Amino acid sequence: MKPIRGWSWWSLMVPMVLSGALGCGRQTDRGQAGATPPDSLMQPGVLATLPTLPPDSLIAYGSDSSQVGELRVPQGAGPHPVAVLVHGGCFKAAYATRQDLAAMGDALKAVGIATWNVEYRRLGQPGGGWPGTYLDVSTAIDHLRALAGTYPLDLSRVVVVGHSAGGHLALWATGRARVSPGSAIHTPNPVAVRGVVDLAGSVDLTDSIPRYERLCRDTVITQLLGGTPSTVPGHYTNASPRALLPMGIPQVIVLGEFEEYVPRPQAEAYVRAATEAGDSVRLLVVPGVGHFEIASPRTSAWPTVVSAIQALLDGRLPSTD
């Protein structure tokens, strides 16, 4: 495949006025400073409509039809750094697919970063939920070892990037070495990563339950975990990123000013806890955008997101400037 042509950084930075809709609820919360969000905030379903190029390869990492990933590799001898992309969608198969992050995959490939945009079993599919959703994400990331045998990938420079529900899964996957060996979602010898970019994914599952029920219009977290914090406490202990601290790996959390799924106090509490535990963490808030813009390479949020990915690949946290 030829590299992307005709895209300028200016075009990637221009916000799109988009509307659409299915699945998750529309954002209506005020910004952190009390500002009213603009009517032009990106809506659910729009990420999947962004123009994209076909991936270089569609590769299975398991036997289920959802256990696949799209590999995009830049031109050149390499080896190339890798960003694993994990899409969101309220953990539900009916709400989103890997197509949500295909445009991001194209944009990262254009700046020299290979991407492994993974699908995984979700609620509403056989094997989705506990423990399959978590095991799929683990297996997909660890499949990089097999891919590196065929493609010029630099496994010493890997980051995980996830949006919304996928942001939670990306952050969890970064800390999965801390999962109890007796847990159903424990996986031995995970691929080492340099960092994670959590694009508005839950950092505290227990705290997120009522908000996700309202916005996703379903009991998605308790379905995902197979029960409530009181009925399956071990599931929450091993799946909630806050419970896995310290992870020992740099973490970047990105929120829009008008973020609704992850309230800023939840993110700030996580950053304090992670920092006190000894982790390197950065919280970045992008002005003027909401929950979905931060996952698009065609909005004003993209420079913040791509610079965070590049910084982690270089072994440092991004600047807050």
C-alpha atoms as a PDB file:
ATOM      1  CA  MET A   1       0.000   0.000   0.000  1.00  0.00           C
ATOM      2  CA  LYS A   2       1.266   3.491  -0.789  1.00  0.00           C
ATOM      3  CA  PRO A   3       1.595   6.037   2.024  1.00  0.00           C
ATOM      4  CA  ILE A   4      -1.228   8.476   2.629  1.00  0.00           C
ATOM      5  CA  ARG A   5      -0.967  11.486   0.374  1.00  0.00           C
ATOM      6  CA  GLY A   6      -2.862  14.739   0.270  1.00  0.00           C
ATOM      7  CA  TRP A   7      -3.279  15.017   4.054  1.00  0.00           C
ATOM      8  CA  SER A   8      -1.749  18.055   5.689  1.00  0.00           C
ATOM      9  CA  TRP A   9      -1.353  18.591   9.392  1.00  0.00           C
ATOM     10  CA  TRP A  10      -3.669  21.566   8.955  1.00  0.00           C
ATOM     11  CA  SER A  11      -6.442  19.351   7.616  1.00  0.00           C
ATOM     12  CA  LEU A  12      -5.978  16.969  10.533  1.00  0.00           C
ATOM     13  CA  MET A  13      -6.371  19.846  12.981  1.00  0.00           C
ATOM     14  CA  VAL A  14      -9.619  21.260  11.620  1.00  0.00           C
ATOM     15  CA  PRO A  15     -12.567  20.237  13.813  1.00  0.00           C
ATOM     16  CA  MET A  16     -15.383  18.502  12.027  1.00  0.00           C
ATOM     17  CA  VAL A  17     -18.956  19.549  12.700  1.00  0.00           C
ATOM     18  CA  LEU A  18     -20.586  16.184  12.910  1.00  0.00           C
ATOM     19  CA  SER A  19     -23.827  14.641  13.935  1.00  0.00           C
ATOM     20  CA  GLY A  20     -25.001  11.090  14.191  1.00  0.00           C
ATOM     21  CA  ALA A  21     -26.007   8.516  16.398  1.00  0.00           C
ATOM     22  CA  LEU A  22     -26.442   5.239  17.930  1.00  0.00           C
ATOM     23  CA  GLY A  23     -25.801   3.497  21.134  1.00  0.00           C
ATOM     24  CA  CYS A  24     -24.297   5.800  23.718  1.00  0.00           C
ATOM     25  CA  GLY A  25     -26.032   8.872  25.028  1.00  0.00           C
ATOM     26  CA  ARG A  26     -25.392  12.348  23.730  1.00  0.00           C
ATOM     27  CA  GLN A  27     -23.040  14.540  25.748  1.00  0.00           C
ATOM     28  CA  THR A  28     -24.902  17.204  27.657  1.00  0.00           C
ATOM     29  CA  ASP A  29     -22.759  17.848  30.743  1.00  0.00           C
ATOM     30  CA  ARG A  30     -21.152  21.238  31.174  1.00  0.00           C
ATOM     31  CA  GLY A  31     -17.409  21.640  30.862  1.00  0.00           C
ATOM     32  CA  GLN A  32     -15.182  21.482  33.896  1.00  0.00           C
ATOM     33  CA  ALA A  33     -15.341  25.255  34.356  1.00  0.00           C
ATOM     34  CA  GLY A  34     -19.119  25.303  33.930  1.00  0.00           C
ATOM     35  CA  ALA A  35     -19.130  26.246  30.250  1.00  0.00           C
ATOM     36  CA  THR A  36     -21.962  24.986  28.093  1.00  0.00           C
ATOM     37  CA  PRO A  37     -20.772  22.503  25.436  1.00  0.00           C
ATOM     38  CA  PRO A  38     -21.298  23.560  21.827  1.00  0.00           C
ATOM     39  CA  ASP A  39     -24.011  21.854  19.788  1.00  0.00           C
ATOM     40  CA  SER A  40     -21.348  20.803  17.273  1.00  0.00           C
ATOM     41  CA  LEU A  41     -19.695  18.193  19.510  1.00  0.00           C
ATOM     42  CA  MET A  42     -19.049  14.920  17.697  1.00  0.00           C
ATOM     43  CA  GLN A  43     -21.732  12.320  18.310  1.00  0.00           C
ATOM     44  CA  PRO A  44     -21.681   8.519  18.706  1.00  0.00           C
ATOM     45  CA  GLY A  45     -21.330   6.611  15.476  1.00  0.00           C
ATOM     46  CA  VAL A  46     -19.386   9.298  13.613  1.00  0.00           C
ATOM     47  CA  LEU A  47     -15.900   7.848  14.183  1.00  0.00           C
ATOM     48  CA  ALA A  48     -16.870   4.836  12.070  1.00  0.00           C
ATOM     49  CA  THR A  49     -17.766   7.097   9.137  1.00  0.00           C
ATOM     50  CA  LEU A  50     -14.381   8.834   8.832  1.00  0.00           C
ATOM     51  CA  PRO A  51     -12.653   8.094   5.508  1.00  0.00           C
ATOM     52  CA  THR A  52      -9.968   5.416   5.762  1.00  0.00           C
ATOM     53  CA  LEU A  53      -7.655   3.336   3.614  1.00  0.00           C
ATOM     54  CA  PRO A  54      -7.665  -0.468   3.697  1.00  0.00           C
ATOM     55  CA  PRO A  55      -5.216  -1.967   6.196  1.00  0.00           C
ATOM     56  CA  ASP A  56      -2.072  -3.638   4.912  1.00  0.00           C
ATOM     57  CA  SER A  57      -3.208  -6.932   6.432  1.00  0.00           C
ATOM     58  CA  LEU A  58      -6.191  -8.329   8.331  1.00  0.00           C
ATOM     59  CA  ILE A  59      -4.808 -10.981  10.667  1.00  0.00           C
ATOM     60  CA  ALA A  60      -6.475 -13.421  13.051  1.00  0.00           C
ATOM     61  CA  TYR A  61      -5.055 -13.839  16.542  1.00  0.00           C
ATOM     62  CA  GLY A  62      -7.661 -16.439  17.522  1.00  0.00           C
ATOM     63  CA  SER A  63     -10.385 -18.653  16.076  1.00  0.00           C
ATOM     64  CA  ASP A  64     -13.393 -16.383  16.686  1.00  0.00           C
ATOM     65  CA  SER A  65     -14.445 -13.956  13.957  1.00  0.00           C
ATOM     66  CA  SER A  66     -13.912 -11.080  16.405  1.00  0.00           C
ATOM     67  CA  GLN A  67     -10.370 -12.172  17.236  1.00  0.00           C
ATOM     68  CA  VAL A  68      -8.722 -10.237  14.418  1.00  0.00           C
ATOM     69  CA  GLY A  69      -6.668  -7.106  13.959  1.00  0.00           C
ATOM     70  CA  GLU A  70      -5.788  -4.660  11.220  1.00  0.00           C
ATOM     71  CA  LEU A  71      -2.072  -4.175  10.706  1.00  0.00           C
ATOM     72  CA  ARG A  72      -0.782  -0.991   9.091  1.00  0.00           C
ATOM     73  CA  VAL A  73       2.971  -0.715   8.509  1.00  0.00           C
ATOM     74  CA  PRO A  74       4.777   2.397   7.256  1.00  0.00           C
ATOM     75  CA  GLN A  75       6.975   2.246   4.192  1.00  0.00           C
ATOM     76  CA  GLY A  76      10.671   1.746   4.764  1.00  0.00           C
ATOM     77  CA  ALA A  77      12.886  -0.977   6.137  1.00  0.00           C
ATOM     78  CA  GLY A  78      11.994  -0.385   9.770  1.00  0.00           C
ATOM     79  CA  PRO A  79      11.760  -1.749  12.308  1.00  0.00           C
ATOM     80  CA  HIS A  80       8.865   0.564  13.117  1.00  0.00           C
ATOM     81  CA  PRO A  81       7.460   1.506  16.526  1.00  0.00           C
ATOM     82  CA  VAL A  82       3.980   0.125  17.176  1.00  0.00           C
ATOM     83  CA  ALA A  83       0.752   1.518  18.596  1.00  0.00           C
ATOM     84  CA  VAL A  84      -1.864  -1.062  19.560  1.00  0.00           C
ATOM     85  CA  LEU A  85      -5.323   0.488  19.075  1.00  0.00           C
ATOM     86  CA  VAL A  86      -8.333  -0.638  21.136  1.00  0.00           C
ATOM     87  CA  HIS A  87     -11.718   0.807  20.153  1.00  0.00           C
ATOM     88  CA  GLY A  88     -14.576   1.614  22.481  1.00  0.00           C
ATOM     89  CA  GLY A  89     -18.347   1.307  22.295  1.00  0.00           C
ATOM     90  CA  CYS A  90     -19.599   0.716  25.837  1.00  0.00           C
ATOM     91  CA  PHE A  91     -18.116  -2.812  25.687  1.00  0.00           C
ATOM     92  CA  LYS A  92     -21.051  -3.772  23.428  1.00  0.00           C
ATOM     93  CA  ALA A  93     -20.832  -5.414  20.009  1.00  0.00           C
ATOM     94  CA  ALA A  94     -23.887  -3.474  18.859  1.00  0.00           C
ATOM     95  CA  TYR A  95     -22.264  -0.086  19.441  1.00  0.00           C
ATOM     96  CA  ALA A  96     -18.867  -0.056  17.716  1.00  0.00           C
ATOM     97  CA  THR A  97     -16.129  -1.978  15.912  1.00  0.00           C
ATOM     98  CA  ARG A  98     -12.448  -1.518  15.140  1.00  0.00           C
ATOM     99  CA  GLN A  99     -13.511   0.793  12.287  1.00  0.00           C
ATOM    100  CA  ASP A 100     -13.769   3.549  14.915  1.00  0.00           C
ATOM    101  CA  LEU A 101      -9.965   3.741  15.122  1.00  0.00           C
ATOM    102  CA  ALA A 102      -9.086   2.925  11.510  1.00  0.00           C
ATOM    103  CA  ALA A 103      -8.617   6.611  10.676  1.00  0.00           C
ATOM    104  CA  MET A 104      -6.243   6.936  13.612  1.00  0.00           C
ATOM    105  CA  GLY A 105      -4.353   3.932  12.279  1.00  0.00           C
ATOM    106  CA  ASP A 106      -3.948   5.624   8.907  1.00  0.00           C
ATOM    107  CA  ALA A 107      -2.758   8.880  10.494  1.00  0.00           C
ATOM    108  CA  LEU A 108      -0.188   7.139  12.693  1.00  0.00           C
ATOM    109  CA  LYS A 109       1.115   5.122   9.761  1.00  0.00           C
ATOM    110  CA  ALA A 110       1.602   8.418   7.889  1.00  0.00           C
ATOM    111  CA  VAL A 111       3.995   9.618  10.614  1.00  0.00           C
ATOM    112  CA  GLY A 112       5.978   6.385  10.756  1.00  0.00           C
ATOM    113  CA  ILE A 113       4.166   4.407  13.451  1.00  0.00           C
ATOM    114  CA  ALA A 114       2.842   0.924  12.719  1.00  0.00           C
ATOM    115  CA  THR A 115      -0.602   0.185  14.139  1.00  0.00           C
ATOM    116  CA  TRP A 116      -2.314  -3.016  15.258  1.00  0.00           C
ATOM    117  CA  ASN A 117      -6.003  -2.081  15.432  1.00  0.00           C
ATOM    118  CA  VAL A 118      -7.638  -4.947  17.275  1.00  0.00           C
ATOM    119  CA  GLU A 119     -11.136  -6.329  17.448  1.00  0.00           C
ATOM    120  CA  TYR A 120     -12.263  -8.352  20.462  1.00  0.00           C
ATOM    121  CA  ARG A 121     -15.328 -10.166  21.757  1.00  0.00           C
ATOM    122  CA  ARG A 122     -17.807  -7.806  23.392  1.00  0.00           C
ATOM    123  CA  LEU A 123     -21.108  -7.956  25.246  1.00  0.00           C
ATOM    124  CA  GLY A 124     -23.767  -9.513  23.054  1.00  0.00           C
ATOM    125  CA  GLN A 125     -21.359 -12.004  21.493  1.00  0.00           C
ATOM    126  CA  PRO A 126     -20.502 -15.545  22.617  1.00  0.00           C
ATOM    127  CA  GLY A 127     -17.471 -15.305  24.860  1.00  0.00           C
ATOM    128  CA  GLY A 128     -17.811 -11.556  25.406  1.00  0.00           C
ATOM    129  CA  GLY A 129     -17.687 -10.130  28.913  1.00  0.00           C
ATOM    130  CA  TRP A 130     -15.897 -11.911  31.744  1.00  0.00           C
ATOM    131  CA  PRO A 131     -13.268 -13.142  31.141  1.00  0.00           C
ATOM    132  CA  GLY A 132     -13.273 -13.223  27.316  1.00  0.00           C
ATOM    133  CA  THR A 133     -13.119  -9.507  26.592  1.00  0.00           C
ATOM    134  CA  TYR A 134     -10.037  -9.051  28.754  1.00  0.00           C
ATOM    135  CA  LEU A 135      -8.360 -12.212  27.527  1.00  0.00           C
ATOM    136  CA  ASP A 136      -8.897 -11.180  23.915  1.00  0.00           C
ATOM    137  CA  VAL A 137      -7.193  -7.830  24.433  1.00  0.00           C
ATOM    138  CA  SER A 138      -4.302  -9.569  26.191  1.00  0.00           C
ATOM    139  CA  THR A 139      -3.937 -12.163  23.458  1.00  0.00           C
ATOM    140  CA  ALA A 140      -4.135  -9.533  20.714  1.00  0.00           C
ATOM    141  CA  ILE A 141      -1.343  -7.476  22.251  1.00  0.00           C
ATOM    142  CA  ASP A 142       0.852 -10.513  22.842  1.00  0.00           C
ATOM    143  CA  HIS A 143       0.291 -11.573  19.222  1.00  0.00           C
ATOM    144  CA  LEU A 144       2.742  -8.811  18.329  1.00  0.00           C
ATOM    145  CA  ARG A 145       5.492 -11.347  18.992  1.00  0.00           C
ATOM    146  CA  ALA A 146       4.219 -13.489  16.134  1.00  0.00           C
ATOM    147  CA  LEU A 147       3.683 -10.477  13.856  1.00  0.00           C
ATOM    148  CA  ALA A 148       7.228  -9.273  14.432  1.00  0.00           C
ATOM    149  CA  GLY A 149       8.464 -12.504  12.885  1.00  0.00           C
ATOM    150  CA  THR A 150       6.968 -11.449   9.554  1.00  0.00           C
ATOM    151  CA  TYR A 151       6.709  -7.659   9.633  1.00  0.00           C
ATOM    152  CA  PRO A 152       9.354  -5.016  10.530  1.00  0.00           C
ATOM    153  CA  LEU A 153       8.001  -4.131  13.972  1.00  0.00           C
ATOM    154  CA  ASP A 154      10.116  -2.781  16.845  1.00  0.00           C
ATOM    155  CA  LEU A 155       8.823  -4.565  19.945  1.00  0.00           C
ATOM    156  CA  SER A 156      11.072  -2.455  22.143  1.00  0.00           C
ATOM    157  CA  ARG A 157       8.868   0.538  21.257  1.00  0.00           C
ATOM    158  CA  VAL A 158       5.226  -0.409  21.796  1.00  0.00           C
ATOM    159  CA  VAL A 159       2.435   1.727  23.238  1.00  0.00           C
ATOM    160  CA  VAL A 160      -1.227   0.876  23.777  1.00  0.00           C
ATOM    161  CA  VAL A 161      -3.889   3.435  22.838  1.00  0.00           C
ATOM    162  CA  GLY A 162      -7.556   2.993  23.604  1.00  0.00           C
ATOM    163  CA  HIS A 163     -10.684   5.119  23.411  1.00  0.00           C
ATOM    164  CA  SER A 164     -13.623   5.067  25.832  1.00  0.00           C
ATOM    165  CA  ALA A 165     -14.306   1.430  26.790  1.00  0.00           C
ATOM    166  CA  GLY A 166     -11.160   0.617  24.832  1.00  0.00           C
ATOM    167  CA  GLY A 167      -9.276   3.202  26.879  1.00  0.00           C
ATOM    168  CA  HIS A 168     -10.177   1.253  29.992  1.00  0.00           C
ATOM    169  CA  LEU A 169      -9.029  -1.982  28.362  1.00  0.00           C
ATOM    170  CA  ALA A 170      -5.791  -0.365  27.169  1.00  0.00           C
ATOM    171  CA  LEU A 171      -5.002   0.956  30.641  1.00  0.00           C
ATOM    172  CA  TRP A 172      -5.871  -2.390  32.212  1.00  0.00           C
ATOM    173  CA  ALA A 173      -3.688  -4.222  29.692  1.00  0.00           C
ATOM    174  CA  THR A 174      -0.763  -1.988  30.587  1.00  0.00           C
ATOM    175  CA  GLY A 175      -1.053  -3.070  34.216  1.00  0.00           C
ATOM    176  CA  ARG A 176      -1.985  -6.717  33.651  1.00  0.00           C
ATOM    177  CA  ALA A 177       1.296  -7.942  35.096  1.00  0.00           C
ATOM    178  CA  ARG A 178      -0.269  -6.904  38.420  1.00  0.00           C
ATOM    179  CA  VAL A 179      -3.311  -9.160  37.959  1.00  0.00           C
ATOM    180  CA  SER A 180      -3.477 -11.952  40.502  1.00  0.00           C
ATOM    181  CA  PRO A 181      -2.135 -15.265  39.123  1.00  0.00           C
ATOM    182  CA  GLY A 182      -5.347 -16.938  40.276  1.00  0.00           C
ATOM    183  CA  SER A 183      -7.602 -14.596  38.317  1.00  0.00           C
ATOM    184  CA  ALA A 184      -9.407 -15.752  35.167  1.00  0.00           C
ATOM    185  CA  ILE A 185      -7.932 -12.728  33.327  1.00  0.00           C
ATOM    186  CA  HIS A 186      -4.329 -13.370  34.315  1.00  0.00           C
ATOM    187  CA  THR A 187      -1.934 -13.871  31.412  1.00  0.00           C
ATOM    188  CA  PRO A 188       1.720 -14.763  31.980  1.00  0.00           C
ATOM    189  CA  ASN A 189       4.647 -12.989  30.328  1.00  0.00           C
ATOM    190  CA  PRO A 190       2.843 -10.044  28.700  1.00  0.00           C
ATOM    191  CA  VAL A 191       4.522  -8.091  25.926  1.00  0.00           C
ATOM    192  CA  ALA A 192       6.401  -5.158  27.432  1.00  0.00           C
ATOM    193  CA  VAL A 193       5.023  -1.729  26.536  1.00  0.00           C
ATOM    194  CA  ARG A 194       6.542   1.722  26.897  1.00  0.00           C
ATOM    195  CA  GLY A 195       3.304   3.375  27.904  1.00  0.00           C
ATOM    196  CA  VAL A 196      -0.405   3.793  27.428  1.00  0.00           C
ATOM    197  CA  VAL A 197      -2.678   6.571  26.160  1.00  0.00           C
ATOM    198  CA  ASP A 198      -6.126   6.265  27.700  1.00  0.00           C
ATOM    199  CA  LEU A 199      -8.543   8.399  25.696  1.00  0.00           C
ATOM    200  CA  ALA A 200     -11.375   8.896  28.183  1.00  0.00           C
ATOM    201  CA  GLY A 201     -11.573   5.313  29.396  1.00  0.00           C
ATOM    202  CA  SER A 202     -12.678   4.460  32.914  1.00  0.00           C
ATOM    203  CA  VAL A 203      -9.867   4.345  35.451  1.00  0.00           C
ATOM    204  CA  ASP A 204     -12.153   3.211  38.280  1.00  0.00           C
ATOM    205  CA  LEU A 205     -14.842   0.695  37.313  1.00  0.00           C
ATOM    206  CA  THR A 206     -16.791   0.861  40.564  1.00  0.00           C
ATOM    207  CA  ASP A 207     -17.036   4.637  40.395  1.00  0.00           C
ATOM    208  CA  SER A 208     -18.063   4.448  36.715  1.00  0.00           C
ATOM    209  CA  ILE A 209     -21.024   2.064  37.112  1.00  0.00           C
ATOM    210  CA  PRO A 210     -23.885   4.604  37.423  1.00  0.00           C
ATOM    211  CA  ARG A 211     -22.492   6.963  34.793  1.00  0.00           C
ATOM    212  CA  TYR A 212     -21.994   4.183  32.254  1.00  0.00           C
ATOM    213  CA  GLU A 213     -25.488   2.856  32.948  1.00  0.00           C
ATOM    214  CA  ARG A 214     -26.906   6.275  32.109  1.00  0.00           C
ATOM    215  CA  LEU A 215     -24.790   7.022  29.057  1.00  0.00           C
ATOM    216  CA  CYS A 216     -24.626   3.515  27.590  1.00  0.00           C
ATOM    217  CA  ARG A 217     -28.279   2.868  28.465  1.00  0.00           C
ATOM    218  CA  ASP A 218     -27.429  -0.521  29.882  1.00  0.00           C
ATOM    219  CA  THR A 219     -25.735  -2.167  32.868  1.00  0.00           C
ATOM    220  CA  VAL A 220     -22.575  -2.616  30.845  1.00  0.00           C
ATOM    221  CA  ILE A 221     -19.950  -2.656  33.592  1.00  0.00           C
ATOM    222  CA  THR A 222     -21.720  -5.178  35.798  1.00  0.00           C
ATOM    223  CA  GLN A 223     -22.382  -7.308  32.710  1.00  0.00           C
ATOM    224  CA  LEU A 224     -18.740  -7.034  31.675  1.00  0.00           C
ATOM    225  CA  LEU A 225     -17.474  -8.040  35.107  1.00  0.00           C
ATOM    226  CA  GLY A 226     -20.133 -10.679  35.702  1.00  0.00           C
ATOM    227  CA  GLY A 227     -21.624  -9.010  38.757  1.00  0.00           C
ATOM    228  CA  THR A 228     -21.423  -6.078  41.127  1.00  0.00           C
ATOM    229  CA  PRO A 229     -18.467  -5.053  43.296  1.00  0.00           C
ATOM    230  CA  SER A 230     -20.143  -6.783  46.232  1.00  0.00           C
ATOM    231  CA  THR A 231     -20.910 -10.063  44.434  1.00  0.00           C
ATOM    232  CA  VAL A 232     -17.617 -10.449  42.504  1.00  0.00           C
ATOM    233  CA  PRO A 233     -15.119  -8.208  44.312  1.00  0.00           C
ATOM    234  CA  GLY A 234     -12.142 -10.114  42.927  1.00  0.00           C
ATOM    235  CA  HIS A 235     -13.189  -9.288  39.372  1.00  0.00           C
ATOM    236  CA  TYR A 236     -13.084  -5.568  40.124  1.00  0.00           C
ATOM    237  CA  THR A 237      -9.791  -5.866  41.998  1.00  0.00           C
ATOM    238  CA  ASN A 238      -8.173  -7.466  38.968  1.00  0.00           C
ATOM    239  CA  ALA A 239      -9.874  -5.414  36.245  1.00  0.00           C
ATOM    240  CA  SER A 240     -10.033  -1.869  37.587  1.00  0.00           C
ATOM    241  CA  PRO A 241      -6.873   0.089  36.722  1.00  0.00           C
ATOM    242  CA  ARG A 242      -6.857   1.967  40.010  1.00  0.00           C
ATOM    243  CA  ALA A 243      -6.702  -1.327  41.893  1.00  0.00           C
ATOM    244  CA  LEU A 244      -3.641  -2.393  39.859  1.00  0.00           C
ATOM    245  CA  LEU A 245      -1.443   0.537  40.890  1.00  0.00           C
ATOM    246  CA  PRO A 246       1.479   0.888  40.721  1.00  0.00           C
ATOM    247  CA  MET A 247       1.840  -0.325  37.140  1.00  0.00           C
ATOM    248  CA  GLY A 248       5.451   0.774  36.734  1.00  0.00           C
ATOM    249  CA  ILE A 249       4.702   2.006  33.198  1.00  0.00           C
ATOM    250  CA  PRO A 250       4.103   5.633  32.052  1.00  0.00           C
ATOM    251  CA  GLN A 251       0.442   6.509  31.582  1.00  0.00           C
ATOM    252  CA  VAL A 252      -1.259   9.390  29.774  1.00  0.00           C
ATOM    253  CA  ILE A 253      -4.954  10.131  30.242  1.00  0.00           C
ATOM    254  CA  VAL A 254      -6.594  12.430  27.700  1.00  0.00           C
ATOM    255  CA  LEU A 255      -9.983  14.058  28.273  1.00  0.00           C
ATOM    256  CA  GLY A 256     -11.933  16.620  26.322  1.00  0.00           C
ATOM    257  CA  GLU A 257     -13.089  19.741  28.101  1.00  0.00           C
ATOM    258  CA  PHE A 258     -16.665  18.490  27.715  1.00  0.00           C
ATOM    259  CA  GLU A 259     -15.953  14.874  28.608  1.00  0.00           C
ATOM    260  CA  GLU A 260     -18.923  13.084  30.117  1.00  0.00           C
ATOM    261  CA  TYR A 261     -18.001   9.406  30.522  1.00  0.00           C
ATOM    262  CA  VAL A 262     -14.981  10.046  32.749  1.00  0.00           C
ATOM    263  CA  PRO A 263     -15.515  13.036  35.048  1.00  0.00           C
ATOM    264  CA  ARG A 264     -12.344  15.006  35.634  1.00  0.00           C
ATOM    265  CA  PRO A 265     -12.418  14.423  39.420  1.00  0.00           C
ATOM    266  CA  GLN A 266     -12.220  10.652  38.762  1.00  0.00           C
ATOM    267  CA  ALA A 267      -9.220  11.128  36.479  1.00  0.00           C
ATOM    268  CA  GLU A 268      -7.531  13.543  38.881  1.00  0.00           C
ATOM    269  CA  ALA A 269      -8.017  11.148  41.800  1.00  0.00           C
ATOM    270  CA  TYR A 270      -6.450   8.384  39.716  1.00  0.00           C
ATOM    271  CA  VAL A 271      -3.472  10.565  38.805  1.00  0.00           C
ATOM    272  CA  ARG A 272      -2.906  11.416  42.480  1.00  0.00           C
ATOM    273  CA  ALA A 273      -3.122   7.767  43.501  1.00  0.00           C
ATOM    274  CA  ALA A 274      -0.819   6.630  40.692  1.00  0.00           C
ATOM    275  CA  THR A 275       1.708   9.347  41.442  1.00  0.00           C
ATOM    276  CA  GLU A 276       1.699   8.546  45.144  1.00  0.00           C
ATOM    277  CA  ALA A 277       2.267   4.888  44.247  1.00  0.00           C
ATOM    278  CA  GLY A 278       5.335   5.868  42.233  1.00  0.00           C
ATOM    279  CA  ASP A 279       3.978   5.813  38.669  1.00  0.00           C
ATOM    280  CA  SER A 280       4.628   8.462  36.022  1.00  0.00           C
ATOM    281  CA  VAL A 281       1.252   9.789  34.890  1.00  0.00           C
ATOM    282  CA  ARG A 282       0.051  12.777  32.927  1.00  0.00           C
ATOM    283  CA  LEU A 283      -3.510  14.115  32.562  1.00  0.00           C
ATOM    284  CA  LEU A 284      -4.122  16.191  29.429  1.00  0.00           C
ATOM    285  CA  VAL A 285      -7.374  18.095  28.901  1.00  0.00           C
ATOM    286  CA  VAL A 286      -8.134  19.299  25.369  1.00  0.00           C
ATOM    287  CA  PRO A 287     -10.201  22.512  25.252  1.00  0.00           C
ATOM    288  CA  GLY A 288     -13.374  22.782  23.242  1.00  0.00           C
ATOM    289  CA  VAL A 289     -13.947  19.085  22.541  1.00  0.00           C
ATOM    290  CA  GLY A 290     -15.928  16.207  23.969  1.00  0.00           C
ATOM    291  CA  HIS A 291     -15.706  12.438  24.276  1.00  0.00           C
ATOM    292  CA  PHE A 292     -15.430  11.457  20.619  1.00  0.00           C
ATOM    293  CA  GLU A 293     -13.211  14.161  19.101  1.00  0.00           C
ATOM    294  CA  ILE A 294     -10.181  12.891  21.024  1.00  0.00           C
ATOM    295  CA  ALA A 295     -10.250   9.651  18.993  1.00  0.00           C
ATOM    296  CA  SER A 296     -10.288  11.383  15.610  1.00  0.00           C
ATOM    297  CA  PRO A 297      -7.191  12.491  13.676  1.00  0.00           C
ATOM    298  CA  ARG A 298      -9.309  15.186  12.010  1.00  0.00           C
ATOM    299  CA  THR A 299     -10.036  17.374  15.025  1.00  0.00           C
ATOM    300  CA  SER A 300      -8.180  19.917  17.127  1.00  0.00           C
ATOM    301  CA  ALA A 301      -7.444  17.149  19.678  1.00  0.00           C
ATOM    302  CA  TRP A 302      -5.150  15.203  17.344  1.00  0.00           C
ATOM    303  CA  PRO A 303      -1.887  17.123  17.929  1.00  0.00           C
ATOM    304  CA  THR A 304      -2.245  16.426  21.663  1.00  0.00           C
ATOM    305  CA  VAL A 305      -2.926  12.737  21.103  1.00  0.00           C
ATOM    306  CA  VAL A 306      -0.220  12.072  18.514  1.00  0.00           C
ATOM    307  CA  SER A 307       2.394  13.982  20.516  1.00  0.00           C
ATOM    308  CA  ALA A 308       1.523  11.874  23.575  1.00  0.00           C
ATOM    309  CA  ILE A 309       1.975   8.674  21.561  1.00  0.00           C
ATOM    310  CA  GLN A 310       5.285   9.867  20.129  1.00  0.00           C
ATOM    311  CA  ALA A 311       6.552  10.966  23.534  1.00  0.00           C
ATOM    312  CA  LEU A 312       5.820   7.583  25.110  1.00  0.00           C
ATOM    313  CA  LEU A 313       7.522   5.801  22.214  1.00  0.00           C
ATOM    314  CA  ASP A 314      10.552   8.010  22.928  1.00  0.00           C
ATOM    315  CA  GLY A 315      10.490   6.994  26.581  1.00  0.00           C
ATOM    316  CA  ARG A 316       9.112  10.181  28.112  1.00  0.00           C
ATOM    317  CA  LEU A 317       5.853  11.773  29.192  1.00  0.00           C
ATOM    318  CA  PRO A 318       4.385  14.437  26.892  1.00  0.00           C
ATOM    319  CA  SER A 319       4.674  18.102  27.704  1.00  0.00           C
ATOM    320  CA  THR A 320       1.699  19.859  29.267  1.00  0.00           C
ATOM    321  CA  ASP A 321       2.324  22.985  27.147  1.00  0.00           C
END
